[in-house]
Amino acid sequence: MKENPERYPIQGAGLGLKQEIIPELLAEQPPEIGFVEVAPENWIGVGGARRKAFEQIMAHYPLVCHGLSLNIGGPAPLDIDFLHRLKDFLQANNVLIYTEHLSYCGDSGQLYDLMPIPFTEEAVHYVADRIRQVQEILGRRIGMENVSTYALPQGELSEVEFLNAVVEEADCGYHLDINNIFVNAMNHGFDPYEYLAAIPAERILYAHIAGHYEEAPDLRIDTHGEDVLPEVWAMLDAAYARYGVFPTLLERDFNIPPLSALRQEIGHIVDAQKRHTEAAGEYVA
C-alpha cells in the first residue's frame, strides 16, 4: 500500500504548532514538514501579531485541528455555541481535518484532563450519538483519537473493541495515536501489537507520535515532553508495514527544544514513510 492522496487530504510528516517555534518556523520554512496542527480553542478569536504569524504559517503549510474541549463522552450537554464558533473557524481557515479525543474532560466545568469513558455498550451508543450531532452541526466528518489512560472504569469491552464500535456506529474517522497505544499497553498489561492489529485502519485520517515519561515499567506518563522512544518508533514502522503509509504528526507540547531538534524527529518520520513507500512500490512491481 502506498500513501493515497485521494484518501488523505494531507501528506507526509506534520508538526504541532507551538508559540515557541513560530519564529524559527517562519524563518526556516522546513520543506520536510507537510502540515501543521493546532488546537482550535487556542486560536479562535485571536488577532494582532499572533494572528498575522498564524496566517503566514498557513500560507506555507496545510492546517489540521486537534481539539481539547469537545467533551464527547461527558455527561453535560454538548456546547452548541462553541460548536458554531468552531465551525466558523474551521471554514474560515480551510482546516482540512478536525479530530478530538475519545474521552471526557468536563461535567459542570472543565476538568483539564482526559478521563476514560467506561467501555460499555451503553456508552458506545451515547458517545456515537454525540459524535453524529457534532458532525451534523459542523457539516463535516470528524475523527476520534485513542487516548492514554492510567486507571480504567469497569466495562464490558476492551479498549480497542470500544473504539471500533464507536467509530462504526458514529461513522466517523479515526485519529491513530501510536504513543497512546504503547503507553496504555504498558500501564494495563496488554500487547500493543495485538491492539494495533485490531484498529479501524480503513478509517485513519492521520496519526500522532510522541514521547512519554517512564515512571516505572508498568507506569508510563503521556507527557509529549520527551523524545520519541525506540519502542514507539518500532510501532510506527509496524503500522506502516501493516497498513501502508499514512500522514503522521510529531507531538511535542512541553520541554520544547529548538526547531533543529524537532526537525530531526520529523526526519525520522519522513525516512520511515519513504522506506515503506519504496518497499510497497517494489512489492507491487
C-alpha atoms as a PDB file:
ATOM      1  CA  MET A   1       0.000   0.000   0.000  1.00  0.00           C
ATOM      2  CA  LYS A   2       1.203   3.497  -0.828  1.00  0.00           C
ATOM      3  CA  GLU A   3       0.077   6.757   0.740  1.00  0.00           C
ATOM      4  CA  ASN A   4      -3.121   7.626  -1.141  1.00  0.00           C
ATOM      5  CA  PRO A   5      -3.530  11.355  -1.879  1.00  0.00           C
ATOM      6  CA  GLU A   6      -7.222  10.824  -2.645  1.00  0.00           C
ATOM      7  CA  ARG A   7      -7.797   9.274   0.777  1.00  0.00           C
ATOM      8  CA  TYR A   8      -5.607  11.665   2.775  1.00  0.00           C
ATOM      9  CA  PRO A   9      -6.080  15.431   2.234  1.00  0.00           C
ATOM     10  CA  ILE A  10      -2.705  15.957   3.943  1.00  0.00           C
ATOM     11  CA  GLN A  11       0.554  14.186   3.191  1.00  0.00           C
ATOM     12  CA  GLY A  12       3.842  13.340   4.829  1.00  0.00           C
ATOM     13  CA  ALA A  13       5.027  14.385   8.279  1.00  0.00           C
ATOM     14  CA  GLY A  14       3.420  17.088  10.406  1.00  0.00           C
ATOM     15  CA  LEU A  15       4.294  19.210  13.420  1.00  0.00           C
ATOM     16  CA  GLY A  16       2.194  20.667  16.214  1.00  0.00           C
ATOM     17  CA  LEU A  17       2.310  24.466  16.018  1.00  0.00           C
ATOM     18  CA  LYS A  18       3.542  25.934  19.303  1.00  0.00           C
ATOM     19  CA  GLN A  19       4.256  29.581  20.079  1.00  0.00           C
ATOM     20  CA  GLU A  20       7.871  28.765  20.976  1.00  0.00           C
ATOM     21  CA  ILE A  21       8.758  27.603  17.470  1.00  0.00           C
ATOM     22  CA  ILE A  22       6.765  30.030  15.326  1.00  0.00           C
ATOM     23  CA  PRO A  23       9.673  32.500  14.762  1.00  0.00           C
ATOM     24  CA  GLU A  24      12.014  29.677  13.689  1.00  0.00           C
ATOM     25  CA  LEU A  25       9.316  28.069  11.577  1.00  0.00           C
ATOM     26  CA  LEU A  26       8.663  31.328   9.733  1.00  0.00           C
ATOM     27  CA  ALA A  27      12.361  31.921   9.190  1.00  0.00           C
ATOM     28  CA  GLU A  28      13.281  28.414   8.026  1.00  0.00           C
ATOM     29  CA  GLN A  29      10.062  27.029   6.458  1.00  0.00           C
ATOM     30  CA  PRO A  30      11.365  23.433   6.602  1.00  0.00           C
ATOM     31  CA  PRO A  31      10.348  21.533   3.463  1.00  0.00           C
ATOM     32  CA  GLU A  32      10.126  18.199   5.305  1.00  0.00           C
ATOM     33  CA  ILE A  33       7.093  19.479   7.232  1.00  0.00           C
ATOM     34  CA  GLY A  34       4.000  18.518   5.266  1.00  0.00           C
ATOM     35  CA  PHE A  35       1.325  20.057   7.509  1.00  0.00           C
ATOM     36  CA  VAL A  36       0.820  21.711  10.895  1.00  0.00           C
ATOM     37  CA  GLU A  37      -1.716  21.137  13.668  1.00  0.00           C
ATOM     38  CA  VAL A  38      -3.294  23.462  16.224  1.00  0.00           C
ATOM     39  CA  ALA A  39      -5.865  23.174  18.976  1.00  0.00           C
ATOM     40  CA  PRO A  40      -8.651  25.443  17.679  1.00  0.00           C
ATOM     41  CA  GLU A  41      -9.517  26.563  21.225  1.00  0.00           C
ATOM     42  CA  ASN A  42      -6.128  28.298  21.357  1.00  0.00           C
ATOM     43  CA  TRP A  43      -6.734  30.299  18.171  1.00  0.00           C
ATOM     44  CA  ILE A  44     -10.452  31.103  17.908  1.00  0.00           C
ATOM     45  CA  GLY A  45     -10.810  34.882  18.172  1.00  0.00           C
ATOM     46  CA  VAL A  46      -7.060  35.557  18.218  1.00  0.00           C
ATOM     47  CA  GLY A  47      -5.940  38.744  16.480  1.00  0.00           C
ATOM     48  CA  GLY A  48      -2.982  41.083  16.273  1.00  0.00           C
ATOM     49  CA  ALA A  49       0.588  39.846  15.846  1.00  0.00           C
ATOM     50  CA  ARG A  50      -0.320  36.269  16.758  1.00  0.00           C
ATOM     51  CA  ARG A  51      -2.969  36.176  14.054  1.00  0.00           C
ATOM     52  CA  LYS A  52      -0.563  37.622  11.494  1.00  0.00           C
ATOM     53  CA  ALA A  53       2.027  34.946  12.299  1.00  0.00           C
ATOM     54  CA  PHE A  54      -0.694  32.285  12.103  1.00  0.00           C
ATOM     55  CA  GLU A  55      -1.706  33.459   8.648  1.00  0.00           C
ATOM     56  CA  GLN A  56       1.916  33.416   7.497  1.00  0.00           C
ATOM     57  CA  ILE A  57       2.248  29.821   8.664  1.00  0.00           C
ATOM     58  CA  MET A  58      -0.961  28.840   6.878  1.00  0.00           C
ATOM     59  CA  ALA A  59       0.376  30.351   3.653  1.00  0.00           C
ATOM     60  CA  HIS A  60       3.105  27.703   3.681  1.00  0.00           C
ATOM     61  CA  TYR A  61       1.538  24.634   5.312  1.00  0.00           C
ATOM     62  CA  PRO A  62      -1.845  22.855   5.224  1.00  0.00           C
ATOM     63  CA  LEU A  63      -3.689  23.049   8.546  1.00  0.00           C
ATOM     64  CA  VAL A  64      -5.399  20.397  10.669  1.00  0.00           C
ATOM     65  CA  CYS A  65      -7.042  20.849  14.069  1.00  0.00           C
ATOM     66  CA  HIS A  66      -6.997  18.587  17.118  1.00  0.00           C
ATOM     67  CA  GLY A  67      -9.405  19.823  19.775  1.00  0.00           C
ATOM     68  CA  LEU A  68      -9.210  19.856  23.551  1.00  0.00           C
ATOM     69  CA  SER A  69     -12.657  20.620  24.950  1.00  0.00           C
ATOM     70  CA  LEU A  70     -15.367  18.848  22.955  1.00  0.00           C
ATOM     71  CA  ASN A  71     -16.043  16.573  25.959  1.00  0.00           C
ATOM     72  CA  ILE A  72     -17.572  13.958  23.686  1.00  0.00           C
ATOM     73  CA  GLY A  73     -18.010  11.382  26.464  1.00  0.00           C
ATOM     74  CA  GLY A  74     -19.055  13.747  29.234  1.00  0.00           C
ATOM     75  CA  PRO A  75     -22.427  13.915  30.994  1.00  0.00           C
ATOM     76  CA  ALA A  76     -23.009  17.607  30.229  1.00  0.00           C
ATOM     77  CA  PRO A  77     -24.863  18.638  27.053  1.00  0.00           C
ATOM     78  CA  LEU A  78     -22.737  19.496  24.059  1.00  0.00           C
ATOM     79  CA  ASP A  79     -21.702  23.159  23.936  1.00  0.00           C
ATOM     80  CA  ILE A  80     -23.642  24.234  20.851  1.00  0.00           C
ATOM     81  CA  ASP A  81     -22.359  27.824  20.927  1.00  0.00           C
ATOM     82  CA  PHE A  82     -18.783  26.557  20.923  1.00  0.00           C
ATOM     83  CA  LEU A  83     -19.542  24.193  18.049  1.00  0.00           C
ATOM     84  CA  HIS A  84     -20.827  27.064  15.910  1.00  0.00           C
ATOM     85  CA  ARG A  85     -17.716  29.139  16.678  1.00  0.00           C
ATOM     86  CA  LEU A  86     -15.605  26.107  15.859  1.00  0.00           C
ATOM     87  CA  LYS A  87     -17.421  25.611  12.558  1.00  0.00           C
ATOM     88  CA  ASP A  88     -16.717  29.208  11.572  1.00  0.00           C
ATOM     89  CA  PHE A  89     -13.030  28.811  12.480  1.00  0.00           C
ATOM     90  CA  LEU A  90     -12.630  25.575  10.537  1.00  0.00           C
ATOM     91  CA  GLN A  91     -14.264  27.027   7.467  1.00  0.00           C
ATOM     92  CA  ALA A  92     -12.514  30.410   7.588  1.00  0.00           C
ATOM     93  CA  ASN A  93      -9.079  28.798   7.883  1.00  0.00           C
ATOM     94  CA  ASN A  94      -9.544  25.966   5.376  1.00  0.00           C
ATOM     95  CA  VAL A  95      -8.909  23.336   8.049  1.00  0.00           C
ATOM     96  CA  LEU A  96      -8.615  20.014   6.258  1.00  0.00           C
ATOM     97  CA  ILE A  97      -9.231  17.661   9.210  1.00  0.00           C
ATOM     98  CA  TYR A  98     -10.726  18.133  12.679  1.00  0.00           C
ATOM     99  CA  THR A  99     -10.276  15.488  15.364  1.00  0.00           C
ATOM    100  CA  GLU A 100     -10.900  15.173  19.084  1.00  0.00           C
ATOM    101  CA  HIS A 101     -10.242  12.798  21.977  1.00  0.00           C
ATOM    102  CA  LEU A 102     -12.389   9.747  22.681  1.00  0.00           C
ATOM    103  CA  SER A 103     -12.734  10.731  26.321  1.00  0.00           C
ATOM    104  CA  TYR A 104     -14.472  13.235  28.545  1.00  0.00           C
ATOM    105  CA  CYS A 105     -12.971  16.366  30.053  1.00  0.00           C
ATOM    106  CA  GLY A 106     -15.783  18.115  31.893  1.00  0.00           C
ATOM    107  CA  ASP A 107     -19.004  17.960  33.861  1.00  0.00           C
ATOM    108  CA  SER A 108     -20.171  21.196  35.465  1.00  0.00           C
ATOM    109  CA  GLY A 109     -16.794  22.651  34.470  1.00  0.00           C
ATOM    110  CA  GLN A 110     -13.606  21.871  32.604  1.00  0.00           C
ATOM    111  CA  LEU A 111     -11.524  19.119  34.214  1.00  0.00           C
ATOM    112  CA  TYR A 112      -8.315  19.959  32.312  1.00  0.00           C
ATOM    113  CA  ASP A 113      -7.614  16.278  31.849  1.00  0.00           C
ATOM    114  CA  LEU A 114      -8.770  13.485  29.537  1.00  0.00           C
ATOM    115  CA  MET A 115     -10.813  10.980  31.515  1.00  0.00           C
ATOM    116  CA  PRO A 116     -11.588   7.449  30.262  1.00  0.00           C
ATOM    117  CA  ILE A 117     -15.109   6.569  29.188  1.00  0.00           C
ATOM    118  CA  PRO A 118     -16.480   3.259  30.563  1.00  0.00           C
ATOM    119  CA  PHE A 119     -16.121   0.628  27.845  1.00  0.00           C
ATOM    120  CA  THR A 120     -19.782  -0.420  27.775  1.00  0.00           C
ATOM    121  CA  GLU A 121     -22.412  -0.886  25.079  1.00  0.00           C
ATOM    122  CA  GLU A 122     -24.460   1.905  26.645  1.00  0.00           C
ATOM    123  CA  ALA A 123     -21.508   4.271  26.381  1.00  0.00           C
ATOM    124  CA  VAL A 124     -20.954   3.272  22.745  1.00  0.00           C
ATOM    125  CA  HIS A 125     -24.468   4.424  21.834  1.00  0.00           C
ATOM    126  CA  TYR A 126     -24.228   7.582  23.948  1.00  0.00           C
ATOM    127  CA  VAL A 127     -20.893   8.696  22.507  1.00  0.00           C
ATOM    128  CA  ALA A 128     -21.742   7.753  18.911  1.00  0.00           C
ATOM    129  CA  ASP A 129     -24.940   9.798  19.112  1.00  0.00           C
ATOM    130  CA  ARG A 130     -22.995  12.839  20.330  1.00  0.00           C
ATOM    131  CA  ILE A 131     -20.418  12.441  17.555  1.00  0.00           C
ATOM    132  CA  ARG A 132     -23.209  12.359  14.978  1.00  0.00           C
ATOM    133  CA  GLN A 133     -24.641  15.571  16.468  1.00  0.00           C
ATOM    134  CA  VAL A 134     -21.231  17.252  16.225  1.00  0.00           C
ATOM    135  CA  GLN A 135     -20.774  16.128  12.625  1.00  0.00           C
ATOM    136  CA  GLU A 136     -24.214  17.445  11.707  1.00  0.00           C
ATOM    137  CA  ILE A 137     -23.523  20.856  13.231  1.00  0.00           C
ATOM    138  CA  LEU A 138     -20.027  21.146  11.758  1.00  0.00           C
ATOM    139  CA  GLY A 139     -21.137  19.834   8.376  1.00  0.00           C
ATOM    140  CA  ARG A 140     -18.121  17.532   8.169  1.00  0.00           C
ATOM    141  CA  ARG A 141     -16.823  14.168   9.257  1.00  0.00           C
ATOM    142  CA  ILE A 142     -14.589  14.316  12.328  1.00  0.00           C
ATOM    143  CA  GLY A 143     -12.064  11.905  13.819  1.00  0.00           C
ATOM    144  CA  MET A 144     -11.752  10.367  17.286  1.00  0.00           C
ATOM    145  CA  GLU A 145      -8.346   9.697  18.879  1.00  0.00           C
ATOM    146  CA  ASN A 146      -7.496   6.836  21.236  1.00  0.00           C
ATOM    147  CA  VAL A 147      -6.277   8.413  24.487  1.00  0.00           C
ATOM    148  CA  SER A 148      -3.754   7.439  27.161  1.00  0.00           C
ATOM    149  CA  THR A 149      -5.166   6.207  30.484  1.00  0.00           C
ATOM    150  CA  TYR A 150      -3.865   5.314  33.935  1.00  0.00           C
ATOM    151  CA  ALA A 151      -6.922   3.737  35.583  1.00  0.00           C
ATOM    152  CA  LEU A 152      -9.945   2.267  33.865  1.00  0.00           C
ATOM    153  CA  PRO A 153     -13.581   2.077  34.974  1.00  0.00           C
ATOM    154  CA  GLN A 154     -15.255  -1.298  34.747  1.00  0.00           C
ATOM    155  CA  GLY A 155     -16.518  -2.156  31.286  1.00  0.00           C
ATOM    156  CA  GLU A 156     -17.801  -4.934  29.056  1.00  0.00           C
ATOM    157  CA  LEU A 157     -15.436  -4.311  26.134  1.00  0.00           C
ATOM    158  CA  SER A 158     -11.717  -3.945  25.604  1.00  0.00           C
ATOM    159  CA  GLU A 159     -10.415  -0.501  24.689  1.00  0.00           C
ATOM    160  CA  VAL A 160      -9.982  -1.327  21.004  1.00  0.00           C
ATOM    161  CA  GLU A 161     -13.389  -3.045  20.853  1.00  0.00           C
ATOM    162  CA  PHE A 162     -14.953   0.093  22.312  1.00  0.00           C
ATOM    163  CA  LEU A 163     -13.062   2.300  19.844  1.00  0.00           C
ATOM    164  CA  ASN A 164     -14.158   0.217  16.865  1.00  0.00           C
ATOM    165  CA  ALA A 165     -17.781   0.135  17.999  1.00  0.00           C
ATOM    166  CA  VAL A 166     -17.943   3.916  18.475  1.00  0.00           C
ATOM    167  CA  VAL A 167     -16.416   4.922  15.143  1.00  0.00           C
ATOM    168  CA  GLU A 168     -18.501   2.338  13.290  1.00  0.00           C
ATOM    169  CA  GLU A 169     -21.806   3.446  14.850  1.00  0.00           C
ATOM    170  CA  ALA A 170     -20.974   7.149  14.513  1.00  0.00           C
ATOM    171  CA  ASP A 171     -19.493   6.655  11.019  1.00  0.00           C
ATOM    172  CA  CYS A 172     -16.623   8.973  11.869  1.00  0.00           C
ATOM    173  CA  GLY A 173     -12.891   8.904  11.209  1.00  0.00           C
ATOM    174  CA  TYR A 174     -10.122   7.535  13.399  1.00  0.00           C
ATOM    175  CA  HIS A 175      -7.170   9.552  14.686  1.00  0.00           C
ATOM    176  CA  LEU A 176      -4.481   6.970  15.447  1.00  0.00           C
ATOM    177  CA  ASP A 177      -2.114   7.778  18.311  1.00  0.00           C
ATOM    178  CA  ILE A 178       0.805   5.327  18.244  1.00  0.00           C
ATOM    179  CA  ASN A 179       2.299   6.503  21.537  1.00  0.00           C
ATOM    180  CA  ASN A 180      -1.006   6.213  23.393  1.00  0.00           C
ATOM    181  CA  ILE A 181      -1.372   2.575  22.359  1.00  0.00           C
ATOM    182  CA  PHE A 182       2.091   1.827  23.718  1.00  0.00           C
ATOM    183  CA  VAL A 183       1.543   3.796  26.943  1.00  0.00           C
ATOM    184  CA  ASN A 184      -1.744   2.030  27.644  1.00  0.00           C
ATOM    185  CA  ALA A 185      -0.241  -1.368  26.856  1.00  0.00           C
ATOM    186  CA  MET A 186       2.466  -0.803  29.463  1.00  0.00           C
ATOM    187  CA  ASN A 187       0.014   0.644  32.006  1.00  0.00           C
ATOM    188  CA  HIS A 188      -2.666  -2.010  31.639  1.00  0.00           C
ATOM    189  CA  GLY A 189      -0.716  -5.095  30.606  1.00  0.00           C
ATOM    190  CA  PHE A 190      -1.837  -5.861  27.057  1.00  0.00           C
ATOM    191  CA  ASP A 191       0.093  -6.480  23.832  1.00  0.00           C
ATOM    192  CA  PRO A 192       0.350  -3.199  21.857  1.00  0.00           C
ATOM    193  CA  TYR A 193       0.795  -5.075  18.590  1.00  0.00           C
ATOM    194  CA  GLU A 194      -2.435  -7.035  19.100  1.00  0.00           C
ATOM    195  CA  TYR A 195      -4.191  -3.705  19.648  1.00  0.00           C
ATOM    196  CA  LEU A 196      -2.530  -2.273  16.525  1.00  0.00           C
ATOM    197  CA  ALA A 197      -3.740  -5.256  14.503  1.00  0.00           C
ATOM    198  CA  ALA A 198      -7.346  -4.560  15.568  1.00  0.00           C
ATOM    199  CA  ILE A 199      -7.646  -0.816  14.923  1.00  0.00           C
ATOM    200  CA  PRO A 200     -10.198   0.552  12.393  1.00  0.00           C
ATOM    201  CA  ALA A 201      -7.374   1.225   9.926  1.00  0.00           C
ATOM    202  CA  GLU A 202      -9.693   1.945   6.997  1.00  0.00           C
ATOM    203  CA  ARG A 203     -10.907   4.994   8.934  1.00  0.00           C
ATOM    204  CA  ILE A 204      -7.466   6.503   9.715  1.00  0.00           C
ATOM    205  CA  LEU A 205      -7.329  10.246   8.997  1.00  0.00           C
ATOM    206  CA  TYR A 206      -3.793  10.775  10.282  1.00  0.00           C
ATOM    207  CA  ALA A 207      -1.625   9.712  13.198  1.00  0.00           C
ATOM    208  CA  HIS A 208       0.240  11.130  16.182  1.00  0.00           C
ATOM    209  CA  ILE A 209       3.590  10.014  17.524  1.00  0.00           C
ATOM    210  CA  ALA A 210       5.118  11.441  20.689  1.00  0.00           C
ATOM    211  CA  GLY A 211       7.427  10.916  23.617  1.00  0.00           C
ATOM    212  CA  HIS A 212       6.418   9.858  27.113  1.00  0.00           C
ATOM    213  CA  TYR A 213       7.937   9.519  30.579  1.00  0.00           C
ATOM    214  CA  GLU A 214       8.711   6.122  32.129  1.00  0.00           C
ATOM    215  CA  GLU A 215       7.813   6.451  35.808  1.00  0.00           C
ATOM    216  CA  ALA A 216       8.083   2.666  36.225  1.00  0.00           C
ATOM    217  CA  PRO A 217       7.973  -0.358  33.898  1.00  0.00           C
ATOM    218  CA  ASP A 218       4.199  -0.526  34.432  1.00  0.00           C
ATOM    219  CA  LEU A 219       3.562   3.224  34.596  1.00  0.00           C
ATOM    220  CA  ARG A 220       4.147   5.415  31.574  1.00  0.00           C
ATOM    221  CA  ILE A 221       3.042   9.058  31.585  1.00  0.00           C
ATOM    222  CA  ASP A 222       1.950  10.576  28.288  1.00  0.00           C
ATOM    223  CA  THR A 223       3.777  13.902  28.626  1.00  0.00           C
ATOM    224  CA  HIS A 224       4.573  14.850  24.998  1.00  0.00           C
ATOM    225  CA  GLY A 225       7.660  16.339  26.606  1.00  0.00           C
ATOM    226  CA  GLU A 226      10.394  13.846  25.671  1.00  0.00           C
ATOM    227  CA  ASP A 227      11.912  12.409  22.516  1.00  0.00           C
ATOM    228  CA  VAL A 228      10.055   9.515  20.913  1.00  0.00           C
ATOM    229  CA  LEU A 229      11.306   6.214  22.343  1.00  0.00           C
ATOM    230  CA  PRO A 230      12.689   3.453  20.097  1.00  0.00           C
ATOM    231  CA  GLU A 231       9.808   1.141  21.076  1.00  0.00           C
ATOM    232  CA  VAL A 232       7.294   3.693  19.780  1.00  0.00           C
ATOM    233  CA  TRP A 233       9.238   4.251  16.542  1.00  0.00           C
ATOM    234  CA  ALA A 234       9.142   0.471  16.097  1.00  0.00           C
ATOM    235  CA  MET A 235       5.355   0.508  16.423  1.00  0.00           C
ATOM    236  CA  LEU A 236       5.095   3.199  13.754  1.00  0.00           C
ATOM    237  CA  ASP A 237       7.195   1.019  11.448  1.00  0.00           C
ATOM    238  CA  ALA A 238       4.890  -1.914  12.167  1.00  0.00           C
ATOM    239  CA  ALA A 239       1.811   0.211  11.427  1.00  0.00           C
ATOM    240  CA  TYR A 240       3.240   1.383   8.084  1.00  0.00           C
ATOM    241  CA  ALA A 241       4.193  -2.185   7.185  1.00  0.00           C
ATOM    242  CA  ARG A 242       0.722  -3.444   8.009  1.00  0.00           C
ATOM    243  CA  TYR A 243      -1.496  -0.630   6.735  1.00  0.00           C
ATOM    244  CA  GLY A 244       0.596   1.428   4.344  1.00  0.00           C
ATOM    245  CA  VAL A 245       1.951   4.908   4.872  1.00  0.00           C
ATOM    246  CA  PHE A 246      -0.399   7.476   6.404  1.00  0.00           C
ATOM    247  CA  PRO A 247       0.197  11.128   7.426  1.00  0.00           C
ATOM    248  CA  THR A 248       1.915  11.267  10.812  1.00  0.00           C
ATOM    249  CA  LEU A 249       2.428  14.235  13.128  1.00  0.00           C
ATOM    250  CA  LEU A 250       5.073  14.731  15.799  1.00  0.00           C
ATOM    251  CA  GLU A 251       3.500  15.951  19.057  1.00  0.00           C
ATOM    252  CA  ARG A 252       5.689  17.993  21.389  1.00  0.00           C
ATOM    253  CA  ASP A 253       3.805  20.073  23.949  1.00  0.00           C
ATOM    254  CA  PHE A 254       6.344  20.547  26.791  1.00  0.00           C
ATOM    255  CA  ASN A 255      10.119  20.900  27.120  1.00  0.00           C
ATOM    256  CA  ILE A 256      10.040  22.135  23.550  1.00  0.00           C
ATOM    257  CA  PRO A 257      13.528  22.055  22.026  1.00  0.00           C
ATOM    258  CA  PRO A 258      14.812  24.237  19.166  1.00  0.00           C
ATOM    259  CA  LEU A 259      13.278  23.591  15.771  1.00  0.00           C
ATOM    260  CA  SER A 260      16.501  21.885  14.660  1.00  0.00           C
ATOM    261  CA  ALA A 261      15.898  19.078  17.175  1.00  0.00           C
ATOM    262  CA  LEU A 262      12.252  18.720  16.160  1.00  0.00           C
ATOM    263  CA  ARG A 263      13.333  18.535  12.526  1.00  0.00           C
ATOM    264  CA  GLN A 264      15.472  15.517  13.351  1.00  0.00           C
ATOM    265  CA  GLU A 265      12.460  13.613  14.679  1.00  0.00           C
ATOM    266  CA  ILE A 266      10.332  14.767  11.760  1.00  0.00           C
ATOM    267  CA  GLY A 267      13.096  13.491   9.514  1.00  0.00           C
ATOM    268  CA  HIS A 268      12.743  10.112  11.210  1.00  0.00           C
ATOM    269  CA  ILE A 269       9.057  10.062  10.198  1.00  0.00           C
ATOM    270  CA  VAL A 270       9.900  11.118   6.633  1.00  0.00           C
ATOM    271  CA  ASP A 271      12.586   8.435   6.342  1.00  0.00           C
ATOM    272  CA  ALA A 272      10.202   5.744   7.576  1.00  0.00           C
ATOM    273  CA  GLN A 273       7.498   6.869   5.169  1.00  0.00           C
ATOM    274  CA  LYS A 274       9.939   6.850   2.258  1.00  0.00           C
ATOM    275  CA  ARG A 275      11.303   3.443   3.187  1.00  0.00           C
ATOM    276  CA  HIS A 276       7.868   1.839   3.413  1.00  0.00           C
ATOM    277  CA  THR A 277       6.572   3.560   0.297  1.00  0.00           C
ATOM    278  CA  GLU A 278       9.561   2.321  -1.700  1.00  0.00           C
ATOM    279  CA  ALA A 279       9.189  -1.187  -0.304  1.00  0.00           C
ATOM    280  CA  ALA A 280       5.488  -1.218  -1.215  1.00  0.00           C
ATOM    281  CA  GLY A 281       6.326   0.028  -4.714  1.00  0.00           C
ATOM    282  CA  GLU A 282       8.865  -2.755  -5.211  1.00  0.00           C
ATOM    283  CA  TYR A 283       6.321  -5.293  -3.990  1.00  0.00           C
ATOM    284  CA  VAL A 284       3.598  -4.040  -6.336  1.00  0.00           C
ATOM    285  CA  ALA A 285       6.022  -4.088  -9.283  1.00  0.00           C
END
